[in-house]
């Protein structure tokens, strides 16, 4: 793992349920953890028979820490350069506690 390549800042957000002033339960995204990461393997894939939309996927490599060890593909997402990415898979890199890789797809807003 080359730490000098981790020059991008990502924010991991967690989906939580809060109660608004009318006592309604609302799902909101809160910032859970921020760290340096290496963004790689930018790939664009076109969907549909015609060129209708482009799906961007990015792999983020981060140093291992206990906060990132609990991140899963459900209930978490990543914000990178003001773009929101859903986590598709989490790779613990053979459980060596050295680095964690997140494969993500961009969310269309």
Protein backbone atom coordinates (compact mmCIF):
# COMPACT_ATOMS: atom_id res chain seq x y z
CA UNK A 1 0.00 0.00 0.00
CA UNK A 2 1.42 3.36 -1.04
CA UNK A 3 0.17 6.00 1.38
CA UNK A 4 1.46 8.90 -0.73
CA UNK A 5 -1.16 8.06 -3.40
CA UNK A 6 -4.02 8.64 -0.93
CA UNK A 7 -4.50 12.29 -1.79
CA UNK A 8 -8.32 12.49 -2.04
CA UNK A 9 -10.71 13.17 0.82
CA UNK A 10 -13.88 11.08 1.10
CA UNK A 11 -16.77 11.29 3.54
CA UNK A 12 -18.56 8.13 4.60
CA UNK A 13 -22.20 8.82 5.44
CA UNK A 14 -24.51 6.63 7.52
CA UNK A 15 -28.27 6.31 7.09
CA UNK A 16 -30.06 6.93 10.38
CA UNK A 17 -33.63 7.47 11.48
CA UNK A 18 -34.44 10.73 13.24
CA UNK A 19 -37.62 12.28 14.55
CA UNK A 20 -38.70 15.66 13.21
CA UNK A 21 -40.65 18.30 15.13
CA UNK A 22 -43.97 16.63 14.22
CA UNK A 23 -42.77 13.28 15.62
CA UNK A 24 -42.43 11.73 12.15
CA UNK A 25 -39.61 9.25 11.65
CA UNK A 26 -37.40 10.39 8.80
CA UNK A 27 -34.37 8.72 7.18
CA UNK A 28 -31.42 11.10 6.92
CA UNK A 29 -27.77 10.77 5.91
CA UNK A 30 -25.29 11.98 8.51
CA UNK A 31 -21.52 12.25 8.16
CA UNK A 32 -20.00 9.22 9.86
CA UNK A 33 -16.28 9.34 9.04
CA UNK A 34 -13.88 11.27 6.83
CA UNK A 35 -10.52 9.96 5.64
CA UNK A 36 -7.92 10.11 2.89
CA UNK A 37 -8.36 7.67 0.03
CA UNK A 38 -7.03 6.72 -3.36
CA UNK A 39 -9.70 6.83 -6.06
CA UNK A 40 -9.00 4.48 -8.94
CA UNK A 41 -10.57 2.45 -11.73
CA UNK A 42 -12.92 5.06 -13.01
CA UNK A 43 -15.15 3.22 -15.43
CA UNK A 44 -18.13 4.42 -17.41
CA UNK A 45 -20.78 1.98 -18.57
CA UNK A 46 -23.70 2.86 -20.81
CA UNK A 47 -27.05 1.33 -19.98
CA UNK A 48 -29.97 0.51 -22.21
CA UNK A 49 -30.15 -0.17 -25.93
CA UNK A 50 -29.68 3.47 -26.67
CA UNK A 51 -27.28 5.81 -24.97
CA UNK A 52 -29.61 6.92 -22.17
CA UNK A 53 -27.37 7.24 -19.14
CA UNK A 54 -23.84 6.65 -18.02
CA UNK A 55 -22.99 4.70 -14.88
CA UNK A 56 -19.75 5.74 -13.23
CA UNK A 57 -17.97 3.39 -10.89
CA UNK A 58 -14.98 4.15 -8.69
CA UNK A 59 -12.88 2.04 -6.35
CA UNK A 60 -11.70 3.78 -3.19
CA UNK A 61 -8.68 2.41 -1.29
CA UNK A 62 -8.39 3.50 2.35
CA UNK A 63 -6.16 2.59 5.23
CA UNK A 64 -7.71 0.15 7.67
CA UNK A 65 -9.27 1.60 10.81
CA UNK A 66 -12.01 0.34 13.17
CA UNK A 67 -14.46 2.98 11.91
CA UNK A 68 -14.19 1.71 8.33
CA UNK A 69 -14.20 -1.95 9.34
CA UNK A 70 -17.92 -1.74 10.23
CA UNK A 71 -18.95 -0.09 6.94
CA UNK A 72 -21.15 -2.30 4.77
CA UNK A 73 -22.89 -1.91 1.44
CA UNK A 74 -26.24 -1.32 3.13
CA UNK A 75 -26.79 1.74 5.25
CA UNK A 76 -23.65 3.60 4.13
CA UNK A 77 -22.59 5.70 1.16
CA UNK A 78 -19.55 7.77 0.12
CA UNK A 79 -19.35 11.42 -0.89
CA UNK A 80 -16.40 12.23 -3.16
CA UNK A 81 -15.91 15.59 -4.93
CA UNK A 82 -19.54 16.61 -4.26
CA UNK A 83 -20.79 13.41 -5.92
CA UNK A 84 -22.67 10.69 -4.04
CA UNK A 85 -21.67 7.05 -4.53
CA UNK A 86 -23.53 3.94 -3.33
CA UNK A 87 -21.27 1.23 -1.99
CA UNK A 88 -21.62 -1.95 -4.04
CA UNK A 89 -18.99 -4.07 -2.31
CA UNK A 90 -16.46 -3.89 0.51
CA UNK A 91 -13.17 -5.75 0.17
CA UNK A 92 -11.19 -6.21 3.40
CA UNK A 93 -8.10 -7.28 1.42
CA UNK A 94 -7.72 -10.77 2.92
CA UNK A 95 -8.40 -9.47 6.43
CA UNK A 96 -4.80 -8.33 6.87
CA UNK A 97 -5.97 -5.05 8.49
CA UNK A 98 -3.85 -3.05 6.11
CA UNK A 99 -6.34 -1.47 3.72
CA UNK A 100 -10.01 -1.59 2.73
CA UNK A 101 -11.42 -1.15 -0.78
CA UNK A 102 -14.88 0.13 -1.57
CA UNK A 103 -16.35 -0.42 -5.02
CA UNK A 104 -19.01 2.23 -5.60
CA UNK A 105 -21.45 3.43 -8.27
CA UNK A 106 -22.48 7.05 -8.67
CA UNK A 107 -26.01 8.03 -7.66
CA UNK A 108 -28.01 9.96 -10.25
CA UNK A 109 -29.72 12.95 -8.70
